Every structure is written in structure tokens, then in C-alpha cells.
Amino acid sequence: DAMIAIKSEIDRVASGEWPLEASPLRNAPHPAEDLLAPHWDRPYAREYGAYPVESLRTSKYWPPVSRIDNAHGDRHLVCSCAPIESYADE
């Protein structure tokens, strides 16, 4: 289902219905904060951002954030947590 939906999105971009930079795949994932905000400036419906595949309506993971600096930030996360040793019982 996901691959079919992605192909459909590619076709809609190719036809000019959606600009490439504002397409659902480029804006994914769509966190609840974005979907519930009062302003929606994307060329596709909020509902499509929330549920691009029908099967997600029954089992959806809501990401806490959207992309972090696109692919670079998603692949090069920096943890600002205390060292693991600080959580050990003394």
C-alpha cells in the first residue's frame, strides 16, 4: 500500500498538481502539532497528511517532530542527555 501511495504522489508531482518541494513525501512525517495547527499552507488536504494510506486510520504512529534539517539532521542526531553512568544506582 505504501509503495502504491508513493507512486501516486510522484504522479501528482509529475502532473504539476503538487510542487515537488511542497509534496506530502517531502513534508513527511506530519506530526500532530502540524496537523492540528490553525494554519495549513500545503497544497494537499490535512487528512492526506495524516493518513496518506487508508490502513493508517486504524494503526498510526504519531511522530513527535517532523524532519530535523532534512536527511542530514535525521541521520546525524546529537544526544544532549547525561552519560548513562549518571543514571546508575549508587
Protein backbone atom coordinates (compact mmCIF):
# COMPACT_ATOMS: atom_id res chain seq x y z
CA ASP A 1 0.00 0.00 0.00
CA ALA A 2 2.76 2.44 0.91
CA MET A 3 4.63 1.98 -2.37
CA ILE A 4 1.42 2.44 -4.37
CA ALA A 5 0.67 5.65 -2.43
CA ILE A 6 4.21 6.95 -3.03
CA LYS A 7 3.87 6.25 -6.77
CA SER A 8 0.57 8.13 -6.75
CA GLU A 9 2.26 11.10 -5.06
CA ILE A 10 5.06 11.03 -7.65
CA ASP A 11 2.46 11.04 -10.43
CA ARG A 12 0.71 14.05 -8.88
CA VAL A 13 4.02 15.93 -8.67
CA ALA A 14 4.87 14.97 -12.26
CA SER A 15 1.49 16.24 -13.47
CA GLY A 16 2.04 19.58 -11.74
CA GLU A 17 -0.77 19.13 -9.23
CA TRP A 18 1.69 19.43 -6.33
CA PRO A 19 5.03 21.25 -6.34
CA LEU A 20 7.93 18.91 -5.57
CA GLU A 21 9.12 20.88 -2.52
CA ALA A 22 5.60 21.01 -1.05
CA SER A 23 4.64 17.39 -1.72
CA PRO A 24 3.46 15.10 1.09
CA LEU A 25 6.54 12.89 0.82
CA ARG A 26 8.87 15.88 1.16
CA ASN A 27 6.93 17.12 4.21
CA ALA A 28 6.62 13.71 5.88
CA PRO A 29 6.33 12.85 8.64
CA HIS A 30 3.40 15.04 9.65
CA PRO A 31 3.39 15.38 13.45
CA ALA A 32 0.10 16.03 15.22
CA GLU A 33 1.27 19.57 16.07
CA ASP A 34 1.42 20.44 12.34
CA LEU A 35 -1.85 18.71 11.51
CA LEU A 36 -3.75 20.41 14.35
CA ALA A 37 -2.32 23.90 13.88
CA PRO A 38 -4.86 26.53 12.79
CA HIS A 39 -2.88 27.39 9.63
CA TRP A 40 -2.33 24.80 6.86
CA ASP A 41 -0.45 26.10 3.81
CA ARG A 42 0.20 22.87 1.93
CA PRO A 43 -1.38 22.02 -1.44
CA TYR A 44 -2.88 18.76 -0.15
CA ALA A 45 -5.54 18.20 2.49
CA ARG A 46 -4.62 17.80 6.16
CA GLU A 47 -6.38 14.47 6.11
CA TYR A 48 -3.97 13.26 3.42
CA GLY A 49 -1.02 14.41 5.53
CA ALA A 50 -2.38 12.48 8.49
CA TYR A 51 -3.44 9.35 6.62
CA PRO A 52 -1.70 9.01 3.23
CA VAL A 53 -2.59 5.30 3.29
CA GLU A 54 -6.07 4.16 4.36
CA SER A 55 -4.71 1.42 6.64
CA LEU A 56 -3.11 4.07 8.87
CA ARG A 57 -6.54 5.07 10.16
CA THR A 58 -6.59 2.06 12.47
CA SER A 59 -2.92 1.97 13.45
CA LYS A 60 -1.00 5.23 13.27
CA TYR A 61 2.26 6.24 14.94
CA TRP A 62 2.22 9.97 15.58
CA PRO A 63 5.79 11.28 15.35
CA PRO A 64 6.63 13.89 18.00
CA VAL A 65 8.55 16.02 15.47
CA SER A 66 8.87 16.49 11.74
CA ARG A 67 12.17 16.20 9.89
CA ILE A 68 15.24 17.65 11.53
CA ASP A 69 17.30 19.51 8.92
CA ASN A 70 16.03 17.10 6.27
CA ALA A 71 18.01 13.90 5.75
CA HIS A 72 21.27 15.21 7.21
CA GLY A 73 19.75 16.01 10.59
CA ASP A 74 17.74 12.80 10.66
CA ARG A 75 20.92 10.77 10.17
CA HIS A 76 23.24 12.80 12.41
CA LEU A 77 21.32 13.25 15.64
CA VAL A 78 23.22 14.52 18.65
CA CYS A 79 22.06 13.42 22.07
CA SER A 80 22.29 16.02 24.81
CA CYS A 81 21.49 13.50 27.54
CA ALA A 82 23.62 12.92 30.61
CA PRO A 83 26.04 9.97 30.37
CA ILE A 84 24.42 6.60 31.02
CA GLU A 85 26.55 6.19 34.15
CA SER A 86 24.70 9.09 35.78
CA TYR A 87 21.51 7.01 35.78
CA ALA A 88 23.08 4.06 37.65
CA ASP A 89 22.03 3.46 41.24
CA GLU A 90 24.79 4.19 43.69
